[in-house]
């Protein structure tokens, strides 16, 4: 399976610097599962990478679903998201 095509930088740009802090680190363990969310928010998954230097990095899903829910006549809880893991 091919990776999706990247069409631009992340927004806001500061997220890139956050992620790049992982460059050169060695992963000790990985957690991947369903995230506890606010009752008025969608379901989501998350990933936590634990590194051998004692630090950890978490990847979660963010969205604007609560901001648009009233405009679209749906409940945020009806929206489901996931994180898809791929290797190439």
PDB file of N, CA and C in Angstrom:
ATOM      1  N   UNK A   1       0.843  -1.169   0.000  1.00  0.00           N
ATOM      2  CA  UNK A   1       0.000   0.000   0.000  1.00  0.00           C
ATOM      3  C   UNK A   1       0.895   1.240   0.000  1.00  0.00           C
ATOM      4  N   UNK A   2       0.615   2.171  -0.863  1.00  0.00           N
ATOM      5  CA  UNK A   2       1.380   3.416  -0.931  1.00  0.00           C
ATOM      6  C   UNK A   2       0.878   4.397   0.124  1.00  0.00           C
ATOM      7  N   UNK A   3       1.782   5.210   0.630  1.00  0.00           N
ATOM      8  CA  UNK A   3       1.402   6.247   1.588  1.00  0.00           C
ATOM      9  C   UNK A   3       0.546   7.293   0.895  1.00  0.00           C
ATOM     10  N   UNK A   4      -0.337   7.965   1.640  1.00  0.00           N
ATOM     11  CA  UNK A   4      -1.070   9.086   1.051  1.00  0.00           C
ATOM     12  C   UNK A   4      -0.089  10.171   0.630  1.00  0.00           C
ATOM     13  N   UNK A   5      -0.476  10.985  -0.334  1.00  0.00           N
ATOM     14  CA  UNK A   5       0.397  12.053  -0.823  1.00  0.00           C
ATOM     15  C   UNK A   5       0.330  13.249   0.121  1.00  0.00           C
ATOM     16  N   UNK A   6       1.490  13.736   0.535  1.00  0.00           N
ATOM     17  CA  UNK A   6       1.556  14.927   1.368  1.00  0.00           C
ATOM     18  C   UNK A   6       1.431  16.144   0.458  1.00  0.00           C
ATOM     19  N   UNK A   7       0.519  17.049   0.791  1.00  0.00           N
ATOM     20  CA  UNK A   7       0.272  18.188  -0.104  1.00  0.00           C
ATOM     21  C   UNK A   7       0.740  19.526   0.460  1.00  0.00           C
ATOM     22  N   UNK A   8       1.307  19.510   1.644  1.00  0.00           N
ATOM     23  CA  UNK A   8       1.791  20.761   2.218  1.00  0.00           C
ATOM     24  C   UNK A   8       2.324  20.536   3.614  1.00  0.00           C
ATOM     25  N   UNK A   9       2.860  21.578   4.211  1.00  0.00           N
ATOM     26  CA  UNK A   9       3.408  21.451   5.564  1.00  0.00           C
ATOM     27  C   UNK A   9       2.288  21.349   6.602  1.00  0.00           C
ATOM     28  N   UNK A  10       2.670  20.947   7.792  1.00  0.00           N
ATOM     29  CA  UNK A  10       1.689  20.881   8.873  1.00  0.00           C
ATOM     30  C   UNK A  10       1.306  22.294   9.306  1.00  0.00           C
ATOM     31  N   UNK A  11       0.130  22.396   9.891  1.00  0.00           N
ATOM     32  CA  UNK A  11      -0.347  23.685  10.390  1.00  0.00           C
ATOM     33  C   UNK A  11      -0.829  23.505  11.819  1.00  0.00           C
ATOM     34  N   UNK A  12      -0.382  24.269  12.757  1.00  0.00           N
ATOM     35  CA  UNK A  12       0.667  25.275  12.646  1.00  0.00           C
ATOM     36  C   UNK A  12       2.042  24.630  12.543  1.00  0.00           C
ATOM     37  N   UNK A  13       2.981  25.381  12.033  1.00  0.00           N
ATOM     38  CA  UNK A  13       4.321  24.865  11.745  1.00  0.00           C
ATOM     39  C   UNK A  13       5.048  24.356  12.983  1.00  0.00           C
ATOM     40  N   UNK A  14       4.684  24.826  14.164  1.00  0.00           N
ATOM     41  CA  UNK A  14       5.376  24.400  15.388  1.00  0.00           C
ATOM     42  C   UNK A  14       5.248  22.897  15.626  1.00  0.00           C
ATOM     43  N   UNK A  15       4.213  22.268  15.062  1.00  0.00           N
ATOM     44  CA  UNK A  15       4.050  20.824  15.231  1.00  0.00           C
ATOM     45  C   UNK A  15       5.214  20.063  14.618  1.00  0.00           C
ATOM     46  N   UNK A  16       5.792  20.582  13.550  1.00  0.00           N
ATOM     47  CA  UNK A  16       6.926  19.932  12.901  1.00  0.00           C
ATOM     48  C   UNK A  16       8.111  19.849  13.858  1.00  0.00           C
ATOM     49  N   UNK A  17       8.385  20.932  14.553  1.00  0.00           N
ATOM     50  CA  UNK A  17       9.494  20.953  15.507  1.00  0.00           C
ATOM     51  C   UNK A  17       9.246  19.980  16.651  1.00  0.00           C
ATOM     52  N   UNK A  18       8.003  19.877  17.098  1.00  0.00           N
ATOM     53  CA  UNK A  18       7.664  18.929  18.160  1.00  0.00           C
ATOM     54  C   UNK A  18       7.982  17.503  17.726  1.00  0.00           C
ATOM     55  N   UNK A  19       7.563  17.136  16.530  1.00  0.00           N
ATOM     56  CA  UNK A  19       7.785  15.787  16.028  1.00  0.00           C
ATOM     57  C   UNK A  19       9.265  15.502  15.810  1.00  0.00           C
ATOM     58  N   UNK A  20       9.991  16.483  15.325  1.00  0.00           N
ATOM     59  CA  UNK A  20      11.416  16.282  15.031  1.00  0.00           C
ATOM     60  C   UNK A  20      12.258  16.054  16.282  1.00  0.00           C
ATOM     61  N   UNK A  21      11.701  16.298  17.452  1.00  0.00           N
ATOM     62  CA  UNK A  21      12.422  15.979  18.686  1.00  0.00           C
ATOM     63  C   UNK A  21      12.640  14.472  18.823  1.00  0.00           C
ATOM     64  N   UNK A  22      11.899  13.675  18.070  1.00  0.00           N
ATOM     65  CA  UNK A  22      12.033  12.221  18.120  1.00  0.00           C
ATOM     66  C   UNK A  22      13.170  11.707  17.238  1.00  0.00           C
ATOM     67  N   UNK A  23      13.686  12.538  16.343  1.00  0.00           N
ATOM     68  CA  UNK A  23      14.739  12.111  15.421  1.00  0.00           C
ATOM     69  C   UNK A  23      15.979  11.689  16.207  1.00  0.00           C
ATOM     70  N   UNK A  24      16.478  10.499  15.902  1.00  0.00           N
ATOM     71  CA  UNK A  24      17.681   9.982  16.537  1.00  0.00           C
ATOM     72  C   UNK A  24      17.429   9.214  17.823  1.00  0.00           C
ATOM     73  N   UNK A  25      16.221   9.264  18.343  1.00  0.00           N
ATOM     74  CA  UNK A  25      15.900   8.533  19.570  1.00  0.00           C
ATOM     75  C   UNK A  25      15.612   7.068  19.233  1.00  0.00           C
ATOM     76  N   UNK A  26      15.780   6.222  20.221  1.00  0.00           N
ATOM     77  CA  UNK A  26      15.487   4.806  20.064  1.00  0.00           C
ATOM     78  C   UNK A  26      14.183   4.492  20.787  1.00  0.00           C
ATOM     79  N   UNK A  27      13.265   3.857  20.077  1.00  0.00           N
ATOM     80  CA  UNK A  27      11.967   3.513  20.662  1.00  0.00           C
ATOM     81  C   UNK A  27      12.116   2.271  21.532  1.00  0.00           C
ATOM     82  N   UNK A  28      11.659   2.388  22.775  1.00  0.00           N
ATOM     83  CA  UNK A  28      11.694   1.280  23.729  1.00  0.00           C
ATOM     84  C   UNK A  28      10.403   0.468  23.659  1.00  0.00           C
ATOM     85  N   UNK A  29       9.267   1.181  23.608  1.00  0.00           N
ATOM     86  CA  UNK A  29       7.974   0.500  23.536  1.00  0.00           C
ATOM     87  C   UNK A  29       6.941   1.426  22.908  1.00  0.00           C
ATOM     88  N   UNK A  30       5.825   0.820  22.480  1.00  0.00           N
ATOM     89  CA  UNK A  30       4.759   1.551  21.801  1.00  0.00           C
ATOM     90  C   UNK A  30       3.418   1.163  22.413  1.00  0.00           C
ATOM     91  N   UNK A  31       2.576   2.163  22.651  1.00  0.00           N
ATOM     92  CA  UNK A  31       1.194   1.929  23.060  1.00  0.00           C
ATOM     93  C   UNK A  31       0.302   2.491  21.961  1.00  0.00           C
ATOM     94  N   UNK A  32      -0.748   1.759  21.592  1.00  0.00           N
ATOM     95  CA  UNK A  32      -1.662   2.187  20.536  1.00  0.00           C
ATOM     96  C   UNK A  32      -3.048   1.732  20.933  1.00  0.00           C
ATOM     97  N   UNK A  33      -3.969   2.659  21.099  1.00  0.00           N
ATOM     98  CA  UNK A  33      -5.308   2.260  21.506  1.00  0.00           C
ATOM     99  C   UNK A  33      -6.291   3.406  21.494  1.00  0.00           C
ATOM    100  N   UNK A  34      -7.465   3.132  22.052  1.00  0.00           N
ATOM    101  CA  UNK A  34      -8.532   4.124  22.076  1.00  0.00           C
ATOM    102  C   UNK A  34      -8.280   5.133  23.190  1.00  0.00           C
ATOM    103  N   UNK A  35      -8.510   6.391  22.881  1.00  0.00           N
ATOM    104  CA  UNK A  35      -8.261   7.502  23.797  1.00  0.00           C
ATOM    105  C   UNK A  35      -9.518   7.841  24.583  1.00  0.00           C
ATOM    106  N   UNK A  36      -9.365   8.170  25.863  1.00  0.00           N
ATOM    107  CA  UNK A  36     -10.493   8.684  26.643  1.00  0.00           C
ATOM    108  C   UNK A  36     -10.746  10.108  26.169  1.00  0.00           C
ATOM    109  N   UNK A  37     -11.969  10.384  25.748  1.00  0.00           N
ATOM    110  CA  UNK A  37     -12.298  11.704  25.214  1.00  0.00           C
ATOM    111  C   UNK A  37     -13.416  12.352  26.027  1.00  0.00           C
ATOM    112  N   UNK A  38     -13.614  13.628  25.810  1.00  0.00           N
ATOM    113  CA  UNK A  38     -14.697  14.385  26.444  1.00  0.00           C
ATOM    114  C   UNK A  38     -16.029  13.801  25.972  1.00  0.00           C
ATOM    115  N   UNK A  39     -17.037  13.749  26.834  1.00  0.00           N
ATOM    116  CA  UNK A  39     -18.333  13.175  26.443  1.00  0.00           C
ATOM    117  C   UNK A  39     -18.970  13.820  25.208  1.00  0.00           C
ATOM    118  N   UNK A  40     -18.646  15.068  24.919  1.00  0.00           N
ATOM    119  CA  UNK A  40     -19.227  15.743  23.760  1.00  0.00           C
ATOM    120  C   UNK A  40     -18.292  15.739  22.558  1.00  0.00           C
ATOM    121  N   UNK A  41     -17.323  14.841  22.565  1.00  0.00           N
ATOM    122  CA  UNK A  41     -16.366  14.771  21.452  1.00  0.00           C
ATOM    123  C   UNK A  41     -16.445  13.400  20.782  1.00  0.00           C
ATOM    124  N   UNK A  42     -15.809  13.290  19.638  1.00  0.00           N
ATOM    125  CA  UNK A  42     -15.790  12.036  18.889  1.00  0.00           C
ATOM    126  C   UNK A  42     -14.840  11.029  19.531  1.00  0.00           C
ATOM    127  N   UNK A  43     -15.023   9.775  19.162  1.00  0.00           N
ATOM    128  CA  UNK A  43     -14.078   8.744  19.576  1.00  0.00           C
ATOM    129  C   UNK A  43     -12.775   8.965  18.821  1.00  0.00           C
ATOM    130  N   UNK A  44     -11.675   8.532  19.412  1.00  0.00           N
ATOM    131  CA  UNK A  44     -10.381   8.706  18.757  1.00  0.00           C
ATOM    132  C   UNK A  44      -9.389   7.678  19.280  1.00  0.00           C
ATOM    133  N   UNK A  45      -8.358   7.469  18.505  1.00  0.00           N
ATOM    134  CA  UNK A  45      -7.256   6.607  18.907  1.00  0.00           C
ATOM    135  C   UNK A  45      -6.030   7.466  19.187  1.00  0.00           C
ATOM    136  N   UNK A  46      -5.041   6.854  19.834  1.00  0.00           N
ATOM    137  CA  UNK A  46      -3.805   7.562  20.133  1.00  0.00           C
ATOM    138  C   UNK A  46      -2.624   6.599  20.107  1.00  0.00           C
ATOM    139  N   UNK A  47      -1.442   7.157  19.938  1.00  0.00           N
ATOM    140  CA  UNK A  47      -0.195   6.394  19.964  1.00  0.00           C
ATOM    141  C   UNK A  47       0.737   7.071  20.958  1.00  0.00           C
ATOM    142  N   UNK A  48       1.381   6.278  21.812  1.00  0.00           N
ATOM    143  CA  UNK A  48       2.424   6.794  22.690  1.00  0.00           C
ATOM    144  C   UNK A  48       3.699   6.022  22.377  1.00  0.00           C
ATOM    145  N   UNK A  49       4.754   6.757  22.039  1.00  0.00           N
ATOM    146  CA  UNK A  49       6.071   6.169  21.813  1.00  0.00           C
ATOM    147  C   UNK A  49       6.919   6.443  23.049  1.00  0.00           C
ATOM    148  N   UNK A  50       7.447   5.398  23.662  1.00  0.00           N
ATOM    149  CA  UNK A  50       8.335   5.526  24.817  1.00  0.00           C
ATOM    150  C   UNK A  50       9.759   5.297  24.319  1.00  0.00           C
ATOM    151  N   UNK A  51      10.656   6.213  24.656  1.00  0.00           N
ATOM    152  CA  UNK A  51      12.033   6.142  24.183  1.00  0.00           C
ATOM    153  C   UNK A  51      12.968   5.655  25.288  1.00  0.00           C
ATOM    154  N   UNK A  52      14.116   5.138  24.873  1.00  0.00           N
ATOM    155  CA  UNK A  52      15.075   4.584  25.829  1.00  0.00           C
ATOM    156  C   UNK A  52      15.687   5.636  26.742  1.00  0.00           C
ATOM    157  N   UNK A  53      15.589   6.918  26.402  1.00  0.00           N
ATOM    158  CA  UNK A  53      16.137   7.975  27.270  1.00  0.00           C
ATOM    159  C   UNK A  53      15.143   8.417  28.344  1.00  0.00           C
ATOM    160  N   UNK A  54      13.991   7.728  28.443  1.00  0.00           N
ATOM    161  CA  UNK A  54      13.003   8.031  29.469  1.00  0.00           C
ATOM    162  C   UNK A  54      11.919   9.012  29.036  1.00  0.00           C
ATOM    163  N   UNK A  55      12.027   9.581  27.840  1.00  0.00           N
ATOM    164  CA  UNK A  55      11.001  10.496  27.347  1.00  0.00           C
ATOM    165  C   UNK A  55       9.923   9.710  26.595  1.00  0.00           C
ATOM    166  N   UNK A  56       8.789  10.342  26.392  1.00  0.00           N
ATOM    167  CA  UNK A  56       7.687   9.736  25.643  1.00  0.00           C
ATOM    168  C   UNK A  56       7.058  10.792  24.749  1.00  0.00           C
ATOM    169  N   UNK A  57       6.501  10.355  23.619  1.00  0.00           N
ATOM    170  CA  UNK A  57       5.806  11.243  22.699  1.00  0.00           C
ATOM    171  C   UNK A  57       4.436  10.641  22.405  1.00  0.00           C
ATOM    172  N   UNK A  58       3.405  11.471  22.444  1.00  0.00           N
ATOM    173  CA  UNK A  58       2.039  11.027  22.209  1.00  0.00           C
ATOM    174  C   UNK A  58       1.507  11.651  20.925  1.00  0.00           C
ATOM    175  N   UNK A  59       0.841  10.846  20.103  1.00  0.00           N
ATOM    176  CA  UNK A  59       0.188  11.331  18.886  1.00  0.00           C
ATOM    177  C   UNK A  59      -1.308  11.092  19.057  1.00  0.00           C
ATOM    178  N   UNK A  60      -2.083  12.187  19.025  1.00  0.00           N
ATOM    179  CA  UNK A  60      -3.532  12.087  19.181  1.00  0.00           C
ATOM    180  C   UNK A  60      -4.222  12.741  17.991  1.00  0.00           C
ATOM    181  N   UNK A  61      -5.516  12.488  17.857  1.00  0.00           N
ATOM    182  CA  UNK A  61      -6.313  13.080  16.788  1.00  0.00           C
ATOM    183  C   UNK A  61      -6.900  14.396  17.290  1.00  0.00           C
ATOM    184  N   UNK A  62      -6.762  15.431  16.495  1.00  0.00           N
ATOM    185  CA  UNK A  62      -7.407  16.703  16.794  1.00  0.00           C
ATOM    186  C   UNK A  62      -8.428  16.988  15.705  1.00  0.00           C
ATOM    187  N   UNK A  63      -9.473  17.716  16.046  1.00  0.00           N
ATOM    188  CA  UNK A  63     -10.472  18.059  15.036  1.00  0.00           C
ATOM    189  C   UNK A  63     -11.243  19.301  15.462  1.00  0.00           C
ATOM    190  N   UNK A  64     -12.023  19.798  14.549  1.00  0.00           N
ATOM    191  CA  UNK A  64     -12.896  20.930  14.849  1.00  0.00           C
ATOM    192  C   UNK A  64     -14.357  20.489  14.899  1.00  0.00           C
ATOM    193  N   UNK A  65     -14.595  19.235  15.173  1.00  0.00           N
ATOM    194  CA  UNK A  65     -15.947  18.681  15.098  1.00  0.00           C
ATOM    195  C   UNK A  65     -16.915  19.385  16.048  1.00  0.00           C
ATOM    196  N   UNK A  66     -16.472  19.768  17.235  1.00  0.00           N
ATOM    197  CA  UNK A  66     -17.402  20.441  18.150  1.00  0.00           C
ATOM    198  C   UNK A  66     -17.758  21.842  17.660  1.00  0.00           C
ATOM    199  N   UNK A  67     -16.876  22.453  16.895  1.00  0.00           N
ATOM    200  CA  UNK A  67     -17.137  23.789  16.363  1.00  0.00           C
ATOM    201  C   UNK A  67     -18.139  23.777  15.209  1.00  0.00           C
ATOM    202  N   UNK A  68     -18.194  22.678  14.467  1.00  0.00           N
ATOM    203  CA  UNK A  68     -19.081  22.626  13.300  1.00  0.00           C
ATOM    204  C   UNK A  68     -20.338  21.797  13.524  1.00  0.00           C
ATOM    205  N   UNK A  69     -20.426  21.101  14.645  1.00  0.00           N
ATOM    206  CA  UNK A  69     -21.542  20.180  14.877  1.00  0.00           C
ATOM    207  C   UNK A  69     -22.900  20.865  14.787  1.00  0.00           C
ATOM    208  N   UNK A  70     -23.049  22.032  15.386  1.00  0.00           N
ATOM    209  CA  UNK A  70     -24.343  22.720  15.356  1.00  0.00           C
ATOM    210  C   UNK A  70     -24.727  23.156  13.951  1.00  0.00           C
ATOM    211  N   UNK A  71     -23.748  23.464  13.131  1.00  0.00           N
ATOM    212  CA  UNK A  71     -24.016  23.914  11.764  1.00  0.00           C
ATOM    213  C   UNK A  71     -24.423  22.760  10.856  1.00  0.00           C
ATOM    214  N   UNK A  72     -23.990  21.565  11.172  1.00  0.00           N
ATOM    215  CA  UNK A  72     -24.198  20.414  10.294  1.00  0.00           C
ATOM    216  C   UNK A  72     -25.308  19.481  10.771  1.00  0.00           C
ATOM    217  N   UNK A  73     -25.912  19.771  11.885  1.00  0.00           N
ATOM    218  CA  UNK A  73     -27.011  18.957  12.418  1.00  0.00           C
ATOM    219  C   UNK A  73     -26.593  17.518  12.731  1.00  0.00           C
ATOM    220  N   UNK A  74     -25.430  17.374  13.321  1.00  0.00           N
ATOM    221  CA  UNK A  74     -25.020  16.067  13.816  1.00  0.00           C
ATOM    222  C   UNK A  74     -24.367  16.252  15.175  1.00  0.00           C
ATOM    223  N   UNK A  75     -24.242  15.160  15.902  1.00  0.00           N
ATOM    224  CA  UNK A  75     -23.607  15.197  17.215  1.00  0.00           C
ATOM    225  C   UNK A  75     -22.141  14.807  17.049  1.00  0.00           C
ATOM    226  N   UNK A  76     -21.226  15.499  17.723  1.00  0.00           N
ATOM    227  CA  UNK A  76     -19.812  15.142  17.613  1.00  0.00           C
ATOM    228  C   UNK A  76     -19.549  13.674  17.945  1.00  0.00           C
ATOM    229  N   UNK A  77     -20.352  13.102  18.853  1.00  0.00           N
ATOM    230  CA  UNK A  77     -20.162  11.701  19.227  1.00  0.00           C
ATOM    231  C   UNK A  77     -20.433  10.744  18.071  1.00  0.00           C
ATOM    232  N   UNK A  78     -21.116  11.215  17.025  1.00  0.00           N
ATOM    233  CA  UNK A  78     -21.408  10.371  15.866  1.00  0.00           C
ATOM    234  C   UNK A  78     -20.214  10.268  14.920  1.00  0.00           C
ATOM    235  N   UNK A  79     -19.226  11.130  15.110  1.00  0.00           N
ATOM    236  CA  UNK A  79     -18.035  11.124  14.256  1.00  0.00           C
ATOM    237  C   UNK A  79     -17.002  10.195  14.876  1.00  0.00           C
ATOM    238  N   UNK A  80     -16.426   9.334  14.081  1.00  0.00           N
ATOM    239  CA  UNK A  80     -15.383   8.433  14.548  1.00  0.00           C
ATOM    240  C   UNK A  80     -14.125   8.701  13.731  1.00  0.00           C
ATOM    241  N   UNK A  81     -13.002   8.746  14.399  1.00  0.00           N
ATOM    242  CA  UNK A  81     -11.724   8.923  13.716  1.00  0.00           C
ATOM    243  C   UNK A  81     -10.811   7.772  14.105  1.00  0.00           C
ATOM    244  N   UNK A  82      -9.754   7.590  13.356  1.00  0.00           N
ATOM    245  CA  UNK A  82      -8.756   6.606  13.741  1.00  0.00           C
ATOM    246  C   UNK A  82      -7.397   7.043  13.229  1.00  0.00           C
ATOM    247  N   UNK A  83      -6.376   6.421  13.755  1.00  0.00           N
ATOM    248  CA  UNK A  83      -5.018   6.621  13.267  1.00  0.00           C
ATOM    249  C   UNK A  83      -4.662   5.384  12.464  1.00  0.00           C
ATOM    250  N   UNK A  84      -4.214   5.578  11.274  1.00  0.00           N
ATOM    251  CA  UNK A  84      -3.843   4.454  10.418  1.00  0.00           C
ATOM    252  C   UNK A  84      -2.321   4.361  10.383  1.00  0.00           C
ATOM    253  N   UNK A  85      -1.807   3.185  10.665  1.00  0.00           N
ATOM    254  CA  UNK A  85      -0.364   2.961  10.679  1.00  0.00           C
ATOM    255  C   UNK A  85       0.037   2.268   9.390  1.00  0.00           C
ATOM    256  N   UNK A  86       1.033   2.804   8.719  1.00  0.00           N
ATOM    257  CA  UNK A  86       1.512   2.225   7.457  1.00  0.00           C
ATOM    258  C   UNK A  86       3.038   2.197   7.450  1.00  0.00           C
ATOM    259  N   UNK A  87       3.588   1.225   6.781  1.00  0.00           N
ATOM    260  CA  UNK A  87       5.037   1.133   6.562  1.00  0.00           C
ATOM    261  C   UNK A  87       5.285   1.006   5.079  1.00  0.00           C
ATOM    262  N   UNK A  88       6.372   1.544   4.636  1.00  0.00           N
ATOM    263  CA  UNK A  88       6.739   1.428   3.228  1.00  0.00           C
ATOM    264  C   UNK A  88       8.142   0.886   3.129  1.00  0.00           C
TER     265      UNK A  88
END
